[in-house]
C-alpha atoms as a PDB file:
ATOM      1  CA  MET A   1      49.193 -11.481 -10.959  1.00  0.00           C
ATOM      2  CA  ARG A   2      49.158 -10.570  -7.299  1.00  0.00           C
ATOM      3  CA  PHE A   3      49.012  -7.038  -8.568  1.00  0.00           C
ATOM      4  CA  LEU A   4      45.669  -8.520 -10.572  1.00  0.00           C
ATOM      5  CA  LYS A   5      44.393 -10.079  -7.858  1.00  0.00           C
ATOM      6  CA  LEU A   6      44.414  -7.417  -5.697  1.00  0.00           C
ATOM      7  CA  ILE A   7      42.279  -5.416  -7.694  1.00  0.00           C
ATOM      8  CA  ILE A   8      40.165  -7.800  -8.463  1.00  0.00           C
ATOM      9  CA  VAL A   9      39.443  -8.171  -4.345  1.00  0.00           C
ATOM     10  CA  LEU A  10      39.203  -4.340  -3.805  1.00  0.00           C
ATOM     11  CA  LEU A  11      36.330  -4.305  -6.563  1.00  0.00           C
ATOM     12  CA  PHE A  12      34.280  -6.794  -4.778  1.00  0.00           C
ATOM     13  CA  ILE A  13      34.606  -5.182  -1.882  1.00  0.00           C
ATOM     14  CA  SER A  14      34.520  -2.065  -3.189  1.00  0.00           C
ATOM     15  CA  VAL A  15      31.018  -2.780  -5.310  1.00  0.00           C
ATOM     16  CA  PRO A  16      28.882  -3.703  -1.988  1.00  0.00           C
ATOM     17  CA  LEU A  17      30.278  -0.530   0.035  1.00  0.00           C
ATOM     18  CA  ALA A  18      29.421   1.613  -2.895  1.00  0.00           C
ATOM     19  CA  ALA A  19      25.681   0.128  -3.020  1.00  0.00           C
ATOM     20  CA  SER A  20      25.169   0.150   0.672  1.00  0.00           C
ATOM     21  CA  ALA A  21      26.440   4.368   0.768  1.00  0.00           C
ATOM     22  CA  ASP A  22      23.274   4.484  -2.059  1.00  0.00           C
ATOM     23  CA  LYS A  23      20.767   2.709   0.846  1.00  0.00           C
ATOM     24  CA  ALA A  24      19.278   4.986   3.487  1.00  0.00           C
ATOM     25  CA  LYS A  25      20.520   4.369   6.755  1.00  0.00           C
ATOM     26  CA  THR A  26      17.674   6.817   8.803  1.00  0.00           C
ATOM     27  CA  ILE A  27      14.210   6.969   8.287  1.00  0.00           C
ATOM     28  CA  ASP A  28      14.812  10.928   7.840  1.00  0.00           C
ATOM     29  CA  ASP A  29      17.302   9.885   4.522  1.00  0.00           C
ATOM     30  CA  LEU A  30      14.790   7.433   3.286  1.00  0.00           C
ATOM     31  CA  ALA A  31      11.890  10.274   3.478  1.00  0.00           C
ATOM     32  CA  LYS A  32      14.562  12.368   1.534  1.00  0.00           C
ATOM     33  CA  MET A  33      14.878  10.323  -0.969  1.00  0.00           C
ATOM     34  CA  TYR A  34      11.646   9.753  -2.159  1.00  0.00           C
ATOM     35  CA  ASP A  35      10.759  13.356  -1.081  1.00  0.00           C
ATOM     36  CA  SER A  36       8.037  14.084  -3.854  1.00  0.00           C
ATOM     37  CA  SER A  37       7.010  18.089  -2.390  1.00  0.00           C
ATOM     38  CA  ARG A  38       8.504  19.241  -5.145  1.00  0.00           C
ATOM     39  CA  CYS A  39       5.327  17.889  -7.107  1.00  0.00           C
ATOM     40  CA  LYS A  40       3.088  20.504  -5.848  1.00  0.00           C
ATOM     41  CA  ASP A  41       4.933  22.974  -7.661  1.00  0.00           C
ATOM     42  CA  CYS A  42       3.438  22.021 -11.013  1.00  0.00           C
ATOM     43  CA  HIS A  43       0.721  19.492 -10.007  1.00  0.00           C
ATOM     44  CA  ALA A  44      -0.442  21.546  -7.043  1.00  0.00           C
ATOM     45  CA  GLU A  45      -4.158  19.783  -7.203  1.00  0.00           C
ATOM     46  CA  ILE A  46      -3.243  16.499  -7.500  1.00  0.00           C
ATOM     47  CA  TYR A  47      -0.101  16.733  -4.663  1.00  0.00           C
ATOM     48  CA  GLY A  48      -3.372  18.392  -2.668  1.00  0.00           C
ATOM     49  CA  GLN A  49      -5.651  15.161  -3.488  1.00  0.00           C
ATOM     50  CA  TRP A  50      -2.639  12.873  -2.351  1.00  0.00           C
ATOM     51  CA  GLU A  51      -2.012  14.547   0.641  1.00  0.00           C
ATOM     52  CA  LYS A  52      -5.378  13.964   2.635  1.00  0.00           C
ATOM     53  CA  SER A  53      -4.845  10.135   1.017  1.00  0.00           C
ATOM     54  CA  HIS A  54      -3.945   6.779   2.705  1.00  0.00           C
ATOM     55  CA  HIS A  55      -0.843   6.738   0.449  1.00  0.00           C
ATOM     56  CA  ALA A  56       0.520  10.138   2.555  1.00  0.00           C
ATOM     57  CA  ARG A  57      -0.119   8.129   6.348  1.00  0.00           C
ATOM     58  CA  PRO A  58       0.607   4.439   5.090  1.00  0.00           C
ATOM     59  CA  LEU A  59       1.559   2.976   8.530  1.00  0.00           C
ATOM     60  CA  MET A  60      -0.393   5.547  10.355  1.00  0.00           C
ATOM     61  CA  GLY A  61      -3.926   3.539   9.789  1.00  0.00           C
ATOM     62  CA  VAL A  62      -7.554   4.874  10.366  1.00  0.00           C
ATOM     63  CA  LYS A  63      -7.476   8.046  12.539  1.00  0.00           C
ATOM     64  CA  GLY A  64      -3.911   8.453  12.754  1.00  0.00           C
ATOM     65  CA  GLY A  65      -3.122   5.340  14.800  1.00  0.00           C
ATOM     66  CA  LEU A  66       0.157   3.727  14.536  1.00  0.00           C
ATOM     67  CA  MET A  67      -0.602   0.074  13.163  1.00  0.00           C
ATOM     68  CA  LEU A  68       2.430  -1.508  12.688  1.00  0.00           C
ATOM     69  CA  THR A  69       2.995  -1.220  16.584  1.00  0.00           C
ATOM     70  CA  PRO A  70       2.250  -4.904  17.379  1.00  0.00           C
ATOM     71  CA  LEU A  71       5.392  -5.684  15.216  1.00  0.00           C
ATOM     72  CA  ALA A  72       8.242  -3.686  17.299  1.00  0.00           C
ATOM     73  CA  LYS A  73       6.946  -4.925  20.658  1.00  0.00           C
ATOM     74  CA  LYS A  74       8.626  -8.418  21.786  1.00  0.00           C
ATOM     75  CA  GLY A  75       6.121 -11.447  21.552  1.00  0.00           C
ATOM     76  CA  GLU A  76       2.990  -9.336  19.826  1.00  0.00           C
ATOM     77  CA  THR A  77       3.605 -11.229  17.069  1.00  0.00           C
ATOM     78  CA  ALA A  78       5.564 -13.825  15.367  1.00  0.00           C
ATOM     79  CA  PHE A  79       7.533 -10.990  13.417  1.00  0.00           C
ATOM     80  CA  SER A  80       8.594  -9.158  16.354  1.00  0.00           C
ATOM     81  CA  PRO A  81      12.282  -8.805  17.362  1.00  0.00           C
ATOM     82  CA  GLU A  82      13.409  -9.723  21.288  1.00  0.00           C
ATOM     83  CA  ASP A  83      14.806  -6.388  21.266  1.00  0.00           C
ATOM     84  CA  PRO A  84      13.625  -3.616  19.300  1.00  0.00           C
ATOM     85  CA  LYS A  85      17.705  -2.229  18.904  1.00  0.00           C
ATOM     86  CA  LYS A  86      17.494  -5.402  17.591  1.00  0.00           C
ATOM     87  CA  ALA A  87      14.789  -4.885  14.462  1.00  0.00           C
ATOM     88  CA  THR A  88      15.515  -5.717  10.947  1.00  0.00           C
ATOM     89  CA  LEU A  89      13.502  -5.352   7.906  1.00  0.00           C
ATOM     90  CA  LYS A  90      12.375  -8.852   8.064  1.00  0.00           C
ATOM     91  CA  ASN A  91      10.325  -7.865  11.142  1.00  0.00           C
ATOM     92  CA  PHE A  92       8.278  -5.672   8.770  1.00  0.00           C
ATOM     93  CA  PRO A  93       6.595  -7.932   6.422  1.00  0.00           C
ATOM     94  CA  CYS A  94       3.742  -4.718   5.939  1.00  0.00           C
ATOM     95  CA  PHE A  95       7.211  -3.113   4.180  1.00  0.00           C
ATOM     96  CA  LYS A  96       6.368  -5.364   1.237  1.00  0.00           C
ATOM     97  CA  CYS A  97       3.141  -2.720   0.126  1.00  0.00           C
ATOM     98  CA  HIS A  98       3.023  -0.353   3.405  1.00  0.00           C
ATOM     99  CA  LEU A  99       6.124   1.088   2.599  1.00  0.00           C
ATOM    100  CA  PRO A 100       8.288  -1.225  -0.741  1.00  0.00           C
ATOM    101  CA  GLN A 101      10.872   1.842  -1.109  1.00  0.00           C
ATOM    102  CA  ALA A 102      12.537   0.166   2.107  1.00  0.00           C
ATOM    103  CA  ILE A 103      13.167  -3.204   0.939  1.00  0.00           C
ATOM    104  CA  THR A 104      15.166  -1.906  -2.131  1.00  0.00           C
ATOM    105  CA  SER A 105      16.251   1.433  -0.634  1.00  0.00           C
ATOM    106  CA  ALA A 106      16.900   1.093   3.069  1.00  0.00           C
ATOM    107  CA  GLU A 107      19.430  -0.768   5.638  1.00  0.00           C
ATOM    108  CA  ASP A 108      18.141  -2.322   9.343  1.00  0.00           C
ATOM    109  CA  SER A 109      18.646   0.742  10.810  1.00  0.00           C
ATOM    110  CA  VAL A 110      16.255   2.872   9.408  1.00  0.00           C
ATOM    111  CA  ALA A 111      13.999  -0.590  10.900  1.00  0.00           C
ATOM    112  CA  VAL A 112      15.508  -0.241  14.456  1.00  0.00           C
ATOM    113  CA  GLU A 113      14.620   3.439  14.561  1.00  0.00           C
ATOM    114  CA  LEU A 114      11.423   2.597  13.825  1.00  0.00           C
ATOM    115  CA  ALA A 115      10.521   0.029  16.114  1.00  0.00           C
ATOM    116  CA  GLU A 116      11.637   2.819  18.848  1.00  0.00           C
ATOM    117  CA  ALA A 117       9.337   5.351  17.359  1.00  0.00           C
ATOM    118  CA  LEU A 118       6.551   2.908  17.156  1.00  0.00           C
ATOM    119  CA  ILE A 119       6.975   2.112  20.774  1.00  0.00           C
ATOM    120  CA  ALA A 120       7.242   5.329  21.748  1.00  0.00           C
ATOM    121  CA  GLY A 121       4.391   6.577  19.936  1.00  0.00           C
ATOM    122  CA  ASP A 122       6.603   9.113  17.578  1.00  0.00           C
ATOM    123  CA  LYS A 123       3.725  10.020  15.549  1.00  0.00           C
ATOM    124  CA  ALA A 124       5.491  12.509  13.670  1.00  0.00           C
ATOM    125  CA  LYS A 125       8.515  10.395  12.945  1.00  0.00           C
ATOM    126  CA  VAL A 126       6.499   7.472  11.494  1.00  0.00           C
ATOM    127  CA  GLY A 127       4.321   9.775   9.362  1.00  0.00           C
ATOM    128  CA  ARG A 128       7.652  10.794   7.068  1.00  0.00           C
ATOM    129  CA  LEU A 129       7.283   7.651   5.469  1.00  0.00           C
ATOM    130  CA  GLN A 130       4.334   8.154   2.911  1.00  0.00           C
ATOM    131  CA  ILE A 131       3.820   6.319  -0.552  1.00  0.00           C
ATOM    132  CA  THR A 132       4.801   9.044  -2.819  1.00  0.00           C
ATOM    133  CA  CYS A 133       4.613   9.865  -6.227  1.00  0.00           C
ATOM    134  CA  ILE A 134       8.315   8.402  -7.132  1.00  0.00           C
ATOM    135  CA  VAL A 135       7.040   5.262  -5.826  1.00  0.00           C
ATOM    136  CA  CYS A 136       3.944   4.677  -8.481  1.00  0.00           C
ATOM    137  CA  HIS A 137       5.739   6.504 -11.020  1.00  0.00           C
ATOM    138  CA  SER A 138       8.919   5.068 -10.785  1.00  0.00           C
ATOM    139  CA  ASP A 139       9.619   2.060  -8.740  1.00  0.00           C
ATOM    140  CA  LYS A 140       6.252   0.212  -9.286  1.00  0.00           C
ATOM    141  CA  ALA A 141       5.789   1.498 -12.728  1.00  0.00           C
ATOM    142  CA  ILE A 142       7.044  -1.915 -14.678  1.00  0.00           C
ATOM    143  CA  VAL A 143       6.484  -4.943 -13.324  1.00  0.00           C
ATOM    144  CA  HIS A 144       7.682  -6.916 -16.747  1.00  0.00           C
ATOM    145  CA  LYS A 145      11.316  -6.376 -15.511  1.00  0.00           C
ATOM    146  CA  ARG A 146      12.724  -8.942 -17.394  1.00  0.00           C
ATOM    147  CA  GLU A 147      11.553  -8.274 -20.553  1.00  0.00           C
ATOM    148  CA  LEU A 148      11.631  -4.658 -19.937  1.00  0.00           C
ATOM    149  CA  GLY A 149      14.558  -3.729 -16.890  1.00  0.00           C
ATOM    150  CA  GLU A 150      14.124  -1.855 -14.281  1.00  0.00           C
ATOM    151  CA  PRO A 151      12.908   1.731 -14.003  1.00  0.00           C
ATOM    152  CA  GLU A 152      15.441   4.401 -15.958  1.00  0.00           C
ATOM    153  CA  LYS A 153      16.832   6.262 -13.642  1.00  0.00           C
ATOM    154  CA  GLY A 154      15.699   9.779 -14.151  1.00  0.00           C
ATOM    155  CA  VAL A 155      13.149   8.993 -15.676  1.00  0.00           C
ATOM    156  CA  LEU A 156       9.110   9.002 -14.453  1.00  0.00           C
ATOM    157  CA  TYR A 157       6.477   6.563 -16.210  1.00  0.00           C
ATOM    158  CA  GLY A 158       3.005   8.553 -16.653  1.00  0.00           C
ATOM    159  CA  ALA A 159       0.422   8.517 -19.491  1.00  0.00           C
ATOM    160  CA  LYS A 160       2.078   9.835 -22.469  1.00  0.00           C
ATOM    161  CA  ASN A 161       5.916  10.555 -23.205  1.00  0.00           C
ATOM    162  CA  MET A 162       7.956  13.700 -22.061  1.00  0.00           C
ATOM    163  CA  ASP A 163      11.172  14.424 -23.463  1.00  0.00           C
ATOM    164  CA  SER A 164      11.384  17.065 -20.916  1.00  0.00           C
ATOM    165  CA  HIS A 165      10.609  17.420 -17.678  1.00  0.00           C
ATOM    166  CA  PRO A 166      10.985  20.461 -15.413  1.00  0.00           C
ATOM    167  CA  ASP A 167      12.389  18.766 -12.749  1.00  0.00           C
ATOM    168  CA  LYS A 168      15.796  18.445 -11.397  1.00  0.00           C
ATOM    169  CA  ILE A 169      15.971  14.925 -10.534  1.00  0.00           C
ATOM    170  CA  PHE A 170      13.528  13.526 -13.076  1.00  0.00           C
ATOM    171  CA  THR A 171      14.453  14.675 -15.722  1.00  0.00           C
ATOM    172  CA  LYS A 172      11.767  12.880 -18.650  1.00  0.00           C
ATOM    173  CA  VAL A 173       8.447  11.159 -18.330  1.00  0.00           C
ATOM    174  CA  LYS A 174       8.146   7.779 -20.117  1.00  0.00           C
ATOM    175  CA  LYS A 175       4.342   5.983 -21.148  1.00  0.00           C
ATOM    176  CA  SER A 176       3.707   3.702 -18.793  1.00  0.00           C
ATOM    177  CA  ALA A 177       1.729   0.021 -20.028  1.00  0.00           C
ATOM    178  CA  ILE A 178       0.294  -0.424 -16.467  1.00  0.00           C
ATOM    179  CA  MET A 179      -0.508   3.081 -15.487  1.00  0.00           C
ATOM    180  CA  HIS A 180      -4.097   2.777 -16.285  1.00  0.00           C
ATOM    181  CA  ASP A 181      -4.669  -0.868 -15.327  1.00  0.00           C
ATOM    182  CA  SER A 182      -5.644  -2.451 -12.281  1.00  0.00           C
ATOM    183  CA  ILE A 183      -2.506  -4.131 -11.913  1.00  0.00           C
ATOM    184  CA  ALA A 184      -0.256  -1.272 -10.743  1.00  0.00           C
ATOM    185  CA  CYS A 185      -2.902  -0.895  -7.741  1.00  0.00           C
ATOM    186  CA  GLY A 186      -2.816  -5.346  -7.193  1.00  0.00           C
ATOM    187  CA  GLN A 187       1.226  -4.931  -6.774  1.00  0.00           C
ATOM    188  CA  CYS A 188      -0.075  -3.554  -3.302  1.00  0.00           C
ATOM    189  CA  HIS A 189      -3.350  -4.128  -2.863  1.00  0.00           C
ATOM    190  CA  GLY A 190      -3.453  -7.997  -2.315  1.00  0.00           C
ATOM    191  CA  LEU A 191      -3.901 -10.885  -3.775  1.00  0.00           C
ATOM    192  CA  GLY A 192      -4.762 -12.977  -0.752  1.00  0.00           C
ATOM    193  CA  PRO A 193      -1.838 -14.588   2.007  1.00  0.00           C
ATOM    194  CA  ASN A 194       1.602 -14.037   1.822  1.00  0.00           C
ATOM    195  CA  PHE A 195       2.743 -17.678   1.282  1.00  0.00           C
ATOM    196  CA  GLU A 196       7.027 -16.316   0.621  1.00  0.00           C
ATOM    197  CA  PHE A 197       7.642 -15.249   3.969  1.00  0.00           C
ATOM    198  CA  ASP A 198       8.720 -18.009   6.010  1.00  0.00           C
ATOM    199  CA  GLN A 199       5.799 -17.075   8.056  1.00  0.00           C
ATOM    200  CA  ALA A 200       3.133 -17.108   6.325  1.00  0.00           C
ATOM    201  CA  PHE A 201       0.598 -14.491   6.927  1.00  0.00           C
ATOM    202  CA  GLN A 202      -2.936 -13.120   5.755  1.00  0.00           C
ATOM    203  CA  CYS A 203      -3.289  -9.499   4.353  1.00  0.00           C
ATOM    204  CA  ALA A 204      -5.499  -8.114   1.660  1.00  0.00           C
ATOM    205  CA  ASN A 205      -8.210  -9.722  -0.635  1.00  0.00           C
ATOM    206  CA  LEU A 206      -9.174  -6.852  -2.642  1.00  0.00           C
ATOM    207  CA  TYR A 207      -7.004  -7.690  -6.015  1.00  0.00           C
ATOM    208  CA  GLY A 208      -7.750 -11.426  -5.958  1.00  0.00           C
ATOM    209  CA  SER A 209     -11.501 -10.374  -5.240  1.00  0.00           C
ATOM    210  CA  TYR A 210     -11.664  -7.971  -8.088  1.00  0.00           C
ATOM    211  CA  LEU A 211     -10.077 -10.419 -10.452  1.00  0.00           C
ATOM    212  CA  HIS A 212     -12.015 -13.474  -9.150  1.00  0.00           C
ATOM    213  CA  ASN A 213     -15.643 -12.369  -7.965  1.00  0.00           C
ATOM    214  CA  TYR A 214     -15.661  -9.002 -10.800  1.00  0.00           C
ATOM    215  CA  ILE A 215     -13.973  -9.431 -13.516  1.00  0.00           C
ATOM    216  CA  SER A 216     -14.827 -13.157 -13.531  1.00  0.00           C
ATOM    217  CA  SER A 217     -18.725 -12.192 -13.826  1.00  0.00           C
ATOM    218  CA  GLY A 218     -18.218  -9.874 -16.395  1.00  0.00           C
ATOM    219  CA  GLY A 219     -17.012  -6.567 -14.752  1.00  0.00           C
ATOM    220  CA  THR A 220     -15.139  -4.423 -17.131  1.00  0.00           C
ATOM    221  CA  LYS A 221     -13.462  -1.275 -14.845  1.00  0.00           C
ATOM    222  CA  SER A 222     -10.998  -0.708 -13.960  1.00  0.00           C
ATOM    223  CA  CYS A 223      -9.640   0.394 -10.168  1.00  0.00           C
ATOM    224  CA  GLN A 224      -9.091   3.463 -11.707  1.00  0.00           C
ATOM    225  CA  ASP A 225     -12.016   3.793 -13.393  1.00  0.00           C
ATOM    226  CA  CYS A 226     -13.987   3.650  -9.853  1.00  0.00           C
ATOM    227  CA  HIS A 227     -10.885   5.597  -7.768  1.00  0.00           C
ATOM    228  CA  MET A 228      -9.594   7.878  -9.604  1.00  0.00           C
ATOM    229  CA  GLN A 229     -11.927   9.600 -11.462  1.00  0.00           C
ATOM    230  CA  LYS A 230     -11.024  12.759 -13.644  1.00  0.00           C
ATOM    231  CA  GLY A 231      -7.349  11.728 -12.333  1.00  0.00           C
ATOM    232  CA  ASP A 232      -8.364  12.249  -8.516  1.00  0.00           C
ATOM    233  CA  HIS A 233      -5.299  10.835  -6.441  1.00  0.00           C
ATOM    234  CA  LEU A 234      -7.362  10.667  -3.415  1.00  0.00           C
ATOM    235  CA  PHE A 235      -7.961   7.218  -4.281  1.00  0.00           C
ATOM    236  CA  ALA A 236     -11.451   7.469  -2.289  1.00  0.00           C
ATOM    237  CA  LEU A 237     -12.399   6.356   0.014  1.00  0.00           C
ATOM    238  CA  ASP A 238     -11.143   8.096   2.719  1.00  0.00           C
ATOM    239  CA  TRP A 239     -11.726   5.879   6.277  1.00  0.00           C
ATOM    240  CA  ASN A 240     -10.713   8.997   7.815  1.00  0.00           C
ATOM    241  CA  ASP A 241     -14.120  10.636   6.453  1.00  0.00           C
ATOM    242  CA  ASP A 242     -16.652   9.275   8.490  1.00  0.00           C
ATOM    243  CA  LYS A 243     -19.365  11.190   6.593  1.00  0.00           C
ATOM    244  CA  GLY A 244     -17.797  10.526   2.891  1.00  0.00           C
ATOM    245  CA  ALA A 245     -17.286   6.863   3.216  1.00  0.00           C
ATOM    246  CA  SER A 246     -20.767   6.432   4.939  1.00  0.00           C
ATOM    247  CA  ALA A 247     -21.839   8.252   1.713  1.00  0.00           C
ATOM    248  CA  LEU A 248     -19.964   6.489  -0.974  1.00  0.00           C
ATOM    249  CA  LEU A 249     -20.217   2.919   0.846  1.00  0.00           C
ATOM    250  CA  GLY A 250     -23.888   4.107   0.488  1.00  0.00           C
ATOM    251  CA  LYS A 251     -24.359   4.506  -2.831  1.00  0.00           C
ATOM    252  CA  ALA A 252     -22.477   0.909  -3.520  1.00  0.00           C
ATOM    253  CA  ILE A 253     -23.939  -1.398  -0.604  1.00  0.00           C
ATOM    254  CA  SER A 254     -27.898  -1.702  -0.460  1.00  0.00           C
ATOM    255  CA  LEU A 255     -29.606  -3.826   2.396  1.00  0.00           C
ATOM    256  CA  GLU A 256     -32.847  -5.253   2.437  1.00  0.00           C
ATOM    257  CA  VAL A 257     -34.468  -6.635   5.215  1.00  0.00           C
ATOM    258  CA  GLU A 258     -37.912  -8.550   5.023  1.00  0.00           C
ATOM    259  CA  THR A 259     -39.532  -9.800   8.554  1.00  0.00           C
ATOM    260  CA  LEU A 260     -42.105 -12.405   9.250  1.00  0.00           C
ATOM    261  CA  GLY A 261     -43.887 -11.938  12.597  1.00  0.00           C
ATOM    262  CA  TYR A 262     -46.215 -15.045  13.860  1.00  0.00           C
ATOM    263  CA  GLU A 263     -46.936 -17.207  17.047  1.00  0.00           C
ATOM    264  CA  TRP A 264     -46.585 -20.577  16.647  1.00  0.00           C
ATOM    265  CA  LEU A 265     -49.177 -23.121  18.469  1.00  0.00           C
ATOM    266  CA  LYS A 266     -46.565 -25.689  20.368  1.00  0.00           C
ATOM    267  CA  LYS A 267     -49.563 -27.495  21.916  1.00  0.00           C
ATOM    268  CA  ALA A 268     -53.148 -26.006  22.912  1.00  0.00           C
ATOM    269  CA  LYS A 269     -53.573 -22.873  24.953  1.00  0.00           C
ATOM    270  CA  THR A 270     -49.540 -22.385  24.266  1.00  0.00           C
ATOM    271  CA  TYR A 271     -48.433 -19.756  21.758  1.00  0.00           C
ATOM    272  CA  ILE A 272     -44.382 -19.047  21.343  1.00  0.00           C
ATOM    273  CA  PRO A 273     -43.654 -16.175  19.039  1.00  0.00           C
ATOM    274  CA  LYS A 274     -41.330 -16.395  16.137  1.00  0.00           C
ATOM    275  CA  VAL A 275     -40.415 -14.178  13.900  1.00  0.00           C
ATOM    276  CA  VAL A 276     -38.433 -14.960  10.441  1.00  0.00           C
ATOM    277  CA  VAL A 277     -35.917 -12.002   8.712  1.00  0.00           C
ATOM    278  CA  SER A 278     -34.772 -12.472   5.557  1.00  0.00           C
ATOM    279  CA  THR A 279     -32.226  -9.601   4.638  1.00  0.00           C
ATOM    280  CA  THR A 280     -30.050  -9.459   0.927  1.00  0.00           C
ATOM    281  CA  ILE A 281     -27.107  -7.506   0.973  1.00  0.00           C
ATOM    282  CA  THR A 282     -26.196  -6.327  -2.447  1.00  0.00           C
ATOM    283  CA  THR A 283     -23.275  -4.080  -3.963  1.00  0.00           C
ATOM    284  CA  THR A 284     -21.727  -3.039  -6.823  1.00  0.00           C
ATOM    285  CA  ALA A 285     -18.347  -2.520  -5.740  1.00  0.00           C
ATOM    286  CA  GLY A 286     -15.623  -4.074  -7.615  1.00  0.00           C
ATOM    287  CA  HIS A 287     -14.533  -6.146  -4.967  1.00  0.00           C
ATOM    288  CA  ARG A 288     -15.418  -6.784  -1.208  1.00  0.00           C
ATOM    289  CA  VAL A 289     -16.234  -4.206   0.748  1.00  0.00           C
ATOM    290  CA  PRO A 290     -14.214  -3.445   3.461  1.00  0.00           C
ATOM    291  CA  ASP A 291     -10.608  -4.539   2.255  1.00  0.00           C
ATOM    292  CA  GLY A 292      -7.530  -2.768   1.980  1.00  0.00           C
END
């Protein structure tokens, strides 16, 4: 009986240890775990588009800025640690969307390394953390997990079933029920305030705006219809491309201005110049602009 109890105790100890051993302890570990560079061997055009997208630099912000730096500095935000060496995953709520694989596949030591890299301005190290092919085509490919279960190991999810996929890890492809649906994007691109944290905060409203304004007004297009035309994985627009972003916004947003100038006769011989300006802004975008 004592021997049986010992076996049970050992099992309870070994299972968490095994689970912990599977998690990334460093930024390099996590980057390697989700490395999709081999995808370009067969999908060179798509991979090239992705490399220019914001998904390839989710922690870098616009123009190479280190957007999460305030979260690493004491007193800068409600989430900031007292000391970067004491940082945990909970100090980075932005991981929910900007690096969701960290929540499921990394230990707190990754948060410590990231906090120190942010403070040091180490863009090369921070830039290794990306929203890769694996994040979208595996981790985020199933939303109804109670019914469908977790994404299967060794399986990617895409537009069609493939019994054989030429990859050493992901050897099969299954058709995803959501890959062409806006809900796939909505997982990260926001319904609005994040109330699930112990310190609620406002973030991207894009998906909420799409549902509550565009769809409710009769819109029929999905995120993919506009942002992934012909399978484009740049997910335009690219805010780092000033000219391209301006051109795309120019197509979606129009501004009409009407003015009326006159003089107001306040009293005899006293004329006060006045101007009335009427502006009308019209957008054909499927959500508010700008948003994330």
